[in-house]
PDB file of N, CA and C in Angstrom:
ATOM      1  N   MET A   1       0.770  -0.910   0.006  1.00  0.00           N
ATOM      2  CA  MET A   1      -0.428  -0.182   0.106  1.00  0.00           C
ATOM      3  C   MET A   1       1.312   1.293  -0.152  1.00  0.00           C
ATOM      4  N   THR A   2       0.596   2.099  -0.688  1.00  0.00           N
ATOM      5  CA  THR A   2       1.581   3.549  -0.688  1.00  0.00           C
ATOM      6  C   THR A   2       0.348   4.465  -0.885  1.00  0.00           C
ATOM      7  N   ARG A   3       0.623   5.589   0.225  1.00  0.00           N
ATOM      8  CA  ARG A   3      -0.266   6.578   0.134  1.00  0.00           C
ATOM      9  C   ARG A   3       0.035   7.876  -0.905  1.00  0.00           C
ATOM     10  N   HIS A   4      -1.042   8.587  -1.787  1.00  0.00           N
ATOM     11  CA  HIS A   4      -0.646   9.252  -2.475  1.00  0.00           C
ATOM     12  C   HIS A   4       0.477  10.273  -2.104  1.00  0.00           C
ATOM     13  N   THR A   5       0.120  11.014  -0.895  1.00  0.00           N
ATOM     14  CA  THR A   5       1.071  11.918   0.057  1.00  0.00           C
ATOM     15  C   THR A   5       2.516  11.722  -0.217  1.00  0.00           C
ATOM     16  N   GLU A   6       2.840  10.321  -0.533  1.00  0.00           N
ATOM     17  CA  GLU A   6       4.141   9.935  -0.424  1.00  0.00           C
ATOM     18  C   GLU A   6       4.790   9.829  -1.804  1.00  0.00           C
ATOM     19  N   LEU A   7       4.039  10.328  -2.958  1.00  0.00           N
ATOM     20  CA  LEU A   7       4.254  10.344  -4.466  1.00  0.00           C
ATOM     21  C   LEU A   7       4.197  11.398  -4.985  1.00  0.00           C
ATOM     22  N   SER A   8       5.234  11.691  -5.663  1.00  0.00           N
ATOM     23  CA  SER A   8       5.070  12.975  -6.925  1.00  0.00           C
ATOM     24  C   SER A   8       4.331  12.606  -8.029  1.00  0.00           C
ATOM     25  N   ASP A   9       4.050  13.759  -8.420  1.00  0.00           N
ATOM     26  CA  ASP A   9       3.211  13.309  -9.639  1.00  0.00           C
ATOM     27  C   ASP A   9       3.814  12.755 -10.874  1.00  0.00           C
ATOM     28  N   THR A  10       5.135  12.909 -11.300  1.00  0.00           N
ATOM     29  CA  THR A  10       5.445  12.042 -11.718  1.00  0.00           C
ATOM     30  C   THR A  10       5.890  10.667 -11.645  1.00  0.00           C
ATOM     31  N   ASP A  11       6.246  10.507 -10.196  1.00  0.00           N
ATOM     32  CA  ASP A  11       6.388   8.950  -9.760  1.00  0.00           C
ATOM     33  C   ASP A  11       5.092   8.413 -10.043  1.00  0.00           C
ATOM     34  N   LEU A  12       4.021   9.091  -9.788  1.00  0.00           N
ATOM     35  CA  LEU A  12       2.567   8.295  -9.422  1.00  0.00           C
ATOM     36  C   LEU A  12       2.582   7.884 -11.191  1.00  0.00           C
ATOM     37  N   LYS A  13       2.563   8.528 -11.883  1.00  0.00           N
ATOM     38  CA  LYS A  13       2.301   8.182 -13.469  1.00  0.00           C
ATOM     39  C   LYS A  13       3.338   7.415 -13.909  1.00  0.00           C
ATOM     40  N   LYS A  14       4.615   7.692 -13.809  1.00  0.00           N
ATOM     41  CA  LYS A  14       5.508   6.311 -13.778  1.00  0.00           C
ATOM     42  C   LYS A  14       5.070   4.943 -13.518  1.00  0.00           C
ATOM     43  N   ASN A  15       4.696   4.709 -12.282  1.00  0.00           N
ATOM     44  CA  ASN A  15       4.215   3.757 -11.306  1.00  0.00           C
ATOM     45  C   ASN A  15       3.314   3.130 -12.005  1.00  0.00           C
ATOM     46  N   ILE A  16       2.180   3.892 -12.480  1.00  0.00           N
ATOM     47  CA  ILE A  16       0.801   3.429 -13.119  1.00  0.00           C
ATOM     48  C   ILE A  16       1.202   3.022 -14.679  1.00  0.00           C
ATOM     49  N   LYS A  17       1.999   3.387 -15.133  1.00  0.00           N
ATOM     50  CA  LYS A  17       2.374   2.914 -16.463  1.00  0.00           C
ATOM     51  C   LYS A  17       3.056   1.763 -16.286  1.00  0.00           C
ATOM     52  N   GLN A  18       3.792   1.949 -15.515  1.00  0.00           N
ATOM     53  CA  GLN A  18       5.140   0.090 -15.286  1.00  0.00           C
ATOM     54  C   GLN A  18       4.191  -0.747 -14.586  1.00  0.00           C
ATOM     55  N   GLN A  19       2.313  -0.651 -14.357  1.00  0.00           N
ATOM     56  CA  GLN A  19       1.578  -1.525 -13.509  1.00  0.00           C
ATOM     57  C   GLN A  19       2.249  -1.577 -12.068  1.00  0.00           C
ATOM     58  N   LYS A  20       3.017  -0.623 -11.527  1.00  0.00           N
ATOM     59  CA  LYS A  20       2.712  -1.277 -10.284  1.00  0.00           C
ATOM     60  C   LYS A  20       2.017  -0.554  -9.235  1.00  0.00           C
ATOM     61  N   ILE A  21       0.783   0.226  -9.776  1.00  0.00           N
ATOM     62  CA  ILE A  21      -0.129   0.865  -9.146  1.00  0.00           C
ATOM     63  C   ILE A  21      -1.417   0.040  -9.835  1.00  0.00           C
ATOM     64  N   ARG A  22      -2.110  -0.496  -9.501  1.00  0.00           N
ATOM     65  CA  ARG A  22      -3.592  -0.890 -10.484  1.00  0.00           C
ATOM     66  C   ARG A  22      -4.738  -0.360  -9.919  1.00  0.00           C
ATOM     67  N   PHE A  23      -5.029  -0.385  -8.737  1.00  0.00           N
ATOM     68  CA  PHE A  23      -5.887  -0.020  -8.103  1.00  0.00           C
ATOM     69  C   PHE A  23      -5.542   1.254  -6.994  1.00  0.00           C
ATOM     70  N   GLY A  24      -6.868   2.241  -6.797  1.00  0.00           N
ATOM     71  CA  GLY A  24      -6.695   3.173  -6.207  1.00  0.00           C
ATOM     72  C   GLY A  24      -7.333   3.031  -4.892  1.00  0.00           C
ATOM     73  N   GLY A  25      -7.191   3.620  -3.250  1.00  0.00           N
ATOM     74  CA  GLY A  25      -8.441   3.135  -2.430  1.00  0.00           C
ATOM     75  C   GLY A  25      -8.599   4.663  -1.532  1.00  0.00           C
ATOM     76  N   ASN A  26      -9.199   4.583  -0.843  1.00  0.00           N
ATOM     77  CA  ASN A  26      -9.603   5.637   0.286  1.00  0.00           C
ATOM     78  C   ASN A  26      -9.494   5.143   1.945  1.00  0.00           C
ATOM     79  N   GLN A  27      -8.394   5.976   2.328  1.00  0.00           N
ATOM     80  CA  GLN A  27      -7.514   5.357   3.850  1.00  0.00           C
ATOM     81  C   GLN A  27      -8.865   5.373   4.533  1.00  0.00           C
ATOM     82  N   LYS A  28      -9.594   6.219   4.892  1.00  0.00           N
ATOM     83  CA  LYS A  28     -10.623   6.449   5.902  1.00  0.00           C
ATOM     84  C   LYS A  28     -11.707   5.737   5.529  1.00  0.00           C
ATOM     85  N   LEU A  29     -12.658   5.163   4.532  1.00  0.00           N
ATOM     86  CA  LEU A  29     -13.657   4.436   3.891  1.00  0.00           C
ATOM     87  C   LEU A  29     -13.105   2.988   4.101  1.00  0.00           C
ATOM     88  N   LYS A  30     -11.953   2.991   3.970  1.00  0.00           N
ATOM     89  CA  LYS A  30     -11.907   1.526   3.591  1.00  0.00           C
ATOM     90  C   LYS A  30     -12.246   0.938   2.193  1.00  0.00           C
ATOM     91  N   ILE A  31     -12.223   1.913   1.553  1.00  0.00           N
ATOM     92  CA  ILE A  31     -13.118   0.892   0.089  1.00  0.00           C
ATOM     93  C   ILE A  31     -11.768   1.138  -1.266  1.00  0.00           C
ATOM     94  N   TYR A  32     -11.736   0.141  -1.983  1.00  0.00           N
ATOM     95  CA  TYR A  32     -10.747   0.799  -3.243  1.00  0.00           C
ATOM     96  C   TYR A  32     -11.693   0.049  -4.635  1.00  0.00           C
ATOM     97  N   GLY A  33     -10.953   0.901  -5.722  1.00  0.00           N
ATOM     98  CA  GLY A  33     -11.654   0.395  -6.749  1.00  0.00           C
ATOM     99  C   GLY A  33     -10.419   0.774  -8.018  1.00  0.00           C
ATOM    100  N   THR A  34     -11.289   0.550  -8.970  1.00  0.00           N
ATOM    101  CA  THR A  34     -10.557   1.111 -10.303  1.00  0.00           C
ATOM    102  C   THR A  34      -9.916   2.551 -10.434  1.00  0.00           C
ATOM    103  N   LEU A  35      -8.788   2.830 -10.921  1.00  0.00           N
ATOM    104  CA  LEU A  35      -7.989   3.990 -11.236  1.00  0.00           C
ATOM    105  C   LEU A  35      -9.111   4.783 -12.086  1.00  0.00           C
ATOM    106  N   LYS A  36      -9.885   4.305 -12.684  1.00  0.00           N
ATOM    107  CA  LYS A  36     -10.504   5.304 -13.448  1.00  0.00           C
ATOM    108  C   LYS A  36     -12.304   5.719 -13.183  1.00  0.00           C
ATOM    109  N   CYS A  37     -12.303   5.378 -11.791  1.00  0.00           N
ATOM    110  CA  CYS A  37     -13.681   5.608 -11.262  1.00  0.00           C
ATOM    111  C   CYS A  37     -13.759   7.133 -10.741  1.00  0.00           C
ATOM    112  N   LYS A  38     -15.098   7.528 -10.978  1.00  0.00           N
ATOM    113  CA  LYS A  38     -15.323   8.649 -10.853  1.00  0.00           C
ATOM    114  C   LYS A  38     -15.520   9.118  -9.185  1.00  0.00           C
ATOM    115  N   SER A  39     -15.850   7.719  -8.595  1.00  0.00           N
ATOM    116  CA  SER A  39     -15.841   8.035  -7.214  1.00  0.00           C
ATOM    117  C   SER A  39     -14.239   8.350  -6.835  1.00  0.00           C
ATOM    118  N   GLY A  40     -13.097   7.572  -7.166  1.00  0.00           N
ATOM    119  CA  GLY A  40     -12.117   7.655  -6.456  1.00  0.00           C
ATOM    120  C   GLY A  40     -11.342   9.173  -6.929  1.00  0.00           C
ATOM    121  N   LYS A  41     -11.671   9.582  -8.238  1.00  0.00           N
ATOM    122  CA  LYS A  41     -11.086  10.581  -8.507  1.00  0.00           C
ATOM    123  C   LYS A  41     -11.385  12.205  -7.858  1.00  0.00           C
ATOM    124  N   ARG A  42     -12.691  11.797  -6.875  1.00  0.00           N
ATOM    125  CA  ARG A  42     -13.411  12.964  -6.273  1.00  0.00           C
ATOM    126  C   ARG A  42     -12.921  13.103  -4.745  1.00  0.00           C
ATOM    127  N   MET A  43     -12.343  11.768  -4.650  1.00  0.00           N
ATOM    128  CA  MET A  43     -11.742  11.647  -3.170  1.00  0.00           C
ATOM    129  C   MET A  43     -10.068  12.864  -3.207  1.00  0.00           C
ATOM    130  N   LYS A  44     -10.108  13.257  -1.347  1.00  0.00           N
ATOM    131  CA  LYS A  44      -8.754  13.912  -1.659  1.00  0.00           C
ATOM    132  C   LYS A  44      -7.598  13.187  -1.557  1.00  0.00           C
ATOM    133  N   ARG A  45      -6.809  13.875  -2.134  1.00  0.00           N
ATOM    134  CA  ARG A  45      -5.140  13.481  -2.155  1.00  0.00           C
ATOM    135  C   ARG A  45      -4.842  12.804  -0.869  1.00  0.00           C
ATOM    136  N   GLU A  46      -5.013  13.287   0.713  1.00  0.00           N
ATOM    137  CA  GLU A  46      -4.011  12.716   1.421  1.00  0.00           C
ATOM    138  C   GLU A  46      -5.150  11.875   2.474  1.00  0.00           C
ATOM    139  N   ASN A  47      -6.402  11.247   1.208  1.00  0.00           N
ATOM    140  CA  ASN A  47      -7.241   9.785   1.916  1.00  0.00           C
ATOM    141  C   ASN A  47      -6.778   8.962   0.789  1.00  0.00           C
ATOM    142  N   ARG A  48      -6.056   8.955  -0.492  1.00  0.00           N
ATOM    143  CA  ARG A  48      -5.914   8.516  -1.216  1.00  0.00           C
ATOM    144  C   ARG A  48      -4.547   7.478  -1.026  1.00  0.00           C
ATOM    145  N   VAL A  49      -5.049   6.357  -1.151  1.00  0.00           N
ATOM    146  CA  VAL A  49      -4.031   4.832  -1.192  1.00  0.00           C
ATOM    147  C   VAL A  49      -3.918   4.046  -2.697  1.00  0.00           C
ATOM    148  N   PHE A  50      -2.943   3.745  -2.728  1.00  0.00           N
ATOM    149  CA  PHE A  50      -2.643   2.611  -4.306  1.00  0.00           C
ATOM    150  C   PHE A  50      -2.122   1.363  -3.875  1.00  0.00           C
ATOM    151  N   PHE A  51      -2.894   0.606  -4.501  1.00  0.00           N
ATOM    152  CA  PHE A  51      -2.543  -1.098  -4.109  1.00  0.00           C
ATOM    153  C   PHE A  51      -2.118  -1.878  -5.732  1.00  0.00           C
ATOM    154  N   LEU A  52      -0.908  -2.475  -5.518  1.00  0.00           N
ATOM    155  CA  LEU A  52      -0.973  -3.624  -6.511  1.00  0.00           C
ATOM    156  C   LEU A  52      -1.909  -4.452  -7.359  1.00  0.00           C
ATOM    157  N   SER A  53      -2.880  -4.628  -6.679  1.00  0.00           N
ATOM    158  CA  SER A  53      -3.476  -6.356  -6.869  1.00  0.00           C
ATOM    159  C   SER A  53      -4.887  -6.134  -5.625  1.00  0.00           C
ATOM    160  N   GLU A  54      -5.994  -6.542  -5.883  1.00  0.00           N
ATOM    161  CA  GLU A  54      -7.024  -6.895  -5.529  1.00  0.00           C
ATOM    162  C   GLU A  54      -6.605  -7.688  -3.748  1.00  0.00           C
ATOM    163  N   LYS A  55      -5.995  -8.170  -3.928  1.00  0.00           N
ATOM    164  CA  LYS A  55      -5.598  -8.970  -2.977  1.00  0.00           C
ATOM    165  C   LYS A  55      -4.306  -8.025  -1.947  1.00  0.00           C
ATOM    166  N   GLU A  56      -3.793  -7.465  -2.613  1.00  0.00           N
ATOM    167  CA  GLU A  56      -3.382  -6.597  -1.544  1.00  0.00           C
ATOM    168  C   GLU A  56      -4.146  -5.291  -0.557  1.00  0.00           C
ATOM    169  N   ALA A  57      -5.367  -4.713  -1.397  1.00  0.00           N
ATOM    170  CA  ALA A  57      -6.159  -4.295  -0.920  1.00  0.00           C
ATOM    171  C   ALA A  57      -6.943  -5.136  -0.035  1.00  0.00           C
ATOM    172  N   THR A  58      -7.740  -6.238  -0.003  1.00  0.00           N
ATOM    173  CA  THR A  58      -7.644  -6.920   0.693  1.00  0.00           C
ATOM    174  C   THR A  58      -7.663  -6.982   1.899  1.00  0.00           C
ATOM    175  N   TYR A  59      -6.246  -7.595   1.881  1.00  0.00           N
ATOM    176  CA  TYR A  59      -5.313  -7.813   2.885  1.00  0.00           C
ATOM    177  C   TYR A  59      -5.112  -6.720   3.595  1.00  0.00           C
ATOM    178  N   HIS A  60      -5.583  -5.393   3.392  1.00  0.00           N
ATOM    179  CA  HIS A  60      -5.056  -4.123   4.374  1.00  0.00           C
ATOM    180  C   HIS A  60      -6.394  -3.981   4.735  1.00  0.00           C
ATOM    181  N   GLY A  61      -7.480  -4.601   4.610  1.00  0.00           N
ATOM    182  CA  GLY A  61      -9.268  -4.610   4.943  1.00  0.00           C
ATOM    183  C   GLY A  61     -10.288  -3.405   4.267  1.00  0.00           C
ATOM    184  N   TYR A  62      -9.770  -3.397   3.499  1.00  0.00           N
ATOM    185  CA  TYR A  62     -10.594  -2.688   1.975  1.00  0.00           C
ATOM    186  C   TYR A  62     -11.178  -3.416   1.156  1.00  0.00           C
ATOM    187  N   ARG A  63     -12.654  -2.726   1.069  1.00  0.00           N
ATOM    188  CA  ARG A  63     -13.732  -3.759   0.483  1.00  0.00           C
ATOM    189  C   ARG A  63     -13.457  -3.094  -1.322  1.00  0.00           C
ATOM    190  N   PRO A  64     -14.338  -3.656  -2.037  1.00  0.00           N
ATOM    191  CA  PRO A  64     -14.509  -2.905  -3.332  1.00  0.00           C
ATOM    192  C   PRO A  64     -15.486  -2.149  -3.344  1.00  0.00           C
ATOM    193  N   CYS A  65     -15.033  -1.339  -4.301  1.00  0.00           N
ATOM    194  CA  CYS A  65     -16.647  -0.398  -4.433  1.00  0.00           C
ATOM    195  C   CYS A  65     -17.669  -0.550  -5.149  1.00  0.00           C
ATOM    196  N   GLY A  66     -18.405  -0.360  -4.594  1.00  0.00           N
ATOM    197  CA  GLY A  66     -19.778  -0.280  -5.332  1.00  0.00           C
ATOM    198  C   GLY A  66     -19.873  -0.209  -6.821  1.00  0.00           C
ATOM    199  N   HIS A  67     -19.572   0.968  -7.495  1.00  0.00           N
ATOM    200  CA  HIS A  67     -19.581   1.601  -8.367  1.00  0.00           C
ATOM    201  C   HIS A  67     -19.208   1.144  -9.897  1.00  0.00           C
ATOM    202  N   CYS A  68     -17.536   1.032  -9.417  1.00  0.00           N
ATOM    203  CA  CYS A  68     -16.783   0.570 -10.647  1.00  0.00           C
ATOM    204  C   CYS A  68     -16.454  -1.038 -10.646  1.00  0.00           C
ATOM    205  N   MET A  69     -16.730  -1.360  -9.211  1.00  0.00           N
ATOM    206  CA  MET A  69     -16.424  -3.090  -9.285  1.00  0.00           C
ATOM    207  C   MET A  69     -17.613  -3.616  -8.646  1.00  0.00           C
ATOM    208  N   ARG A  70     -18.769  -3.460  -9.234  1.00  0.00           N
ATOM    209  CA  ARG A  70     -19.994  -3.868  -8.899  1.00  0.00           C
ATOM    210  C   ARG A  70     -20.019  -5.417  -8.605  1.00  0.00           C
ATOM    211  N   LYS A  71     -19.645  -6.457  -9.575  1.00  0.00           N
ATOM    212  CA  LYS A  71     -19.651  -7.717  -9.293  1.00  0.00           C
ATOM    213  C   LYS A  71     -18.743  -8.147  -7.916  1.00  0.00           C
ATOM    214  N   ALA A  72     -17.576  -7.935  -7.721  1.00  0.00           N
ATOM    215  CA  ALA A  72     -16.336  -7.175  -6.640  1.00  0.00           C
ATOM    216  C   ALA A  72     -17.700  -7.348  -5.283  1.00  0.00           C
ATOM    217  N   TYR A  73     -18.007  -6.068  -5.478  1.00  0.00           N
ATOM    218  CA  TYR A  73     -18.759  -5.609  -4.358  1.00  0.00           C
ATOM    219  C   TYR A  73     -19.937  -6.503  -3.723  1.00  0.00           C
ATOM    220  N   LEU A  74     -20.493  -6.797  -4.649  1.00  0.00           N
ATOM    221  CA  LEU A  74     -21.823  -7.716  -4.356  1.00  0.00           C
ATOM    222  C   LEU A  74     -21.373  -8.950  -3.862  1.00  0.00           C
ATOM    223  N   LYS A  75     -20.361  -9.538  -4.538  1.00  0.00           N
ATOM    224  CA  LYS A  75     -20.086 -10.776  -3.781  1.00  0.00           C
ATOM    225  C   LYS A  75     -19.416 -10.434  -2.187  1.00  0.00           C
ATOM    226  N   TRP A  76     -18.928  -9.716  -2.063  1.00  0.00           N
ATOM    227  CA  TRP A  76     -18.508  -8.910  -0.968  1.00  0.00           C
ATOM    228  C   TRP A  76     -19.705  -8.749   0.060  1.00  0.00           C
ATOM    229  N   LYS A  77     -20.672  -7.924  -0.340  1.00  0.00           N
ATOM    230  CA  LYS A  77     -21.902  -7.711   0.556  1.00  0.00           C
ATOM    231  C   LYS A  77     -22.425  -8.853   0.505  1.00  0.00           C
ATOM    232  N   ASN A  78     -22.841  -9.907  -0.159  1.00  0.00           N
ATOM    233  CA  ASN A  78     -23.454 -10.801  -0.150  1.00  0.00           C
ATOM    234  C   ASN A  78     -22.672 -12.049   0.461  1.00  0.00           C
ATOM    235  N   GLY A  79     -21.176 -11.875   0.769  1.00  0.00           N
ATOM    236  CA  GLY A  79     -20.704 -13.155   1.185  1.00  0.00           C
ATOM    237  C   GLY A  79     -20.829 -13.766   2.864  1.00  0.00           C
ATOM    238  N   PRO A  80     -20.209 -14.748   3.368  1.00  0.00           N
ATOM    239  CA  PRO A  80     -20.880 -15.313   4.474  1.00  0.00           C
ATOM    240  C   PRO A  80     -20.278 -14.392   5.432  1.00  0.00           C
ATOM    241  N   ILE A  81     -21.706 -14.529   6.293  1.00  0.00           N
ATOM    242  CA  ILE A  81     -21.513 -13.641   7.794  1.00  0.00           C
ATOM    243  C   ILE A  81     -20.516 -14.839   8.611  1.00  0.00           C
ATOM    244  N   GLN A  82     -19.705 -13.988   9.459  1.00  0.00           N
ATOM    245  CA  GLN A  82     -18.740 -14.587  10.546  1.00  0.00           C
ATOM    246  C   GLN A  82     -18.895 -14.052  11.854  1.00  0.00           C
TER     247      GLN A  82
END
């Protein structure tokens, strides 16, 4: 997990191009989604984090976005009750 505040804009673009960053998340809400998600683009820079994979995001306790990752969100929402 990488915080947006720890990256310059140049480093961010480079990491996205090199596929080192593939998902973005909201640190306060614990939600992750695609980099093209409209909801994700509106969040504050200090709340934004980045992940290489969905596995990494779920490992850190984040859930899928209900807008850009609808299938994964519904699977998470309707998953087994623990």
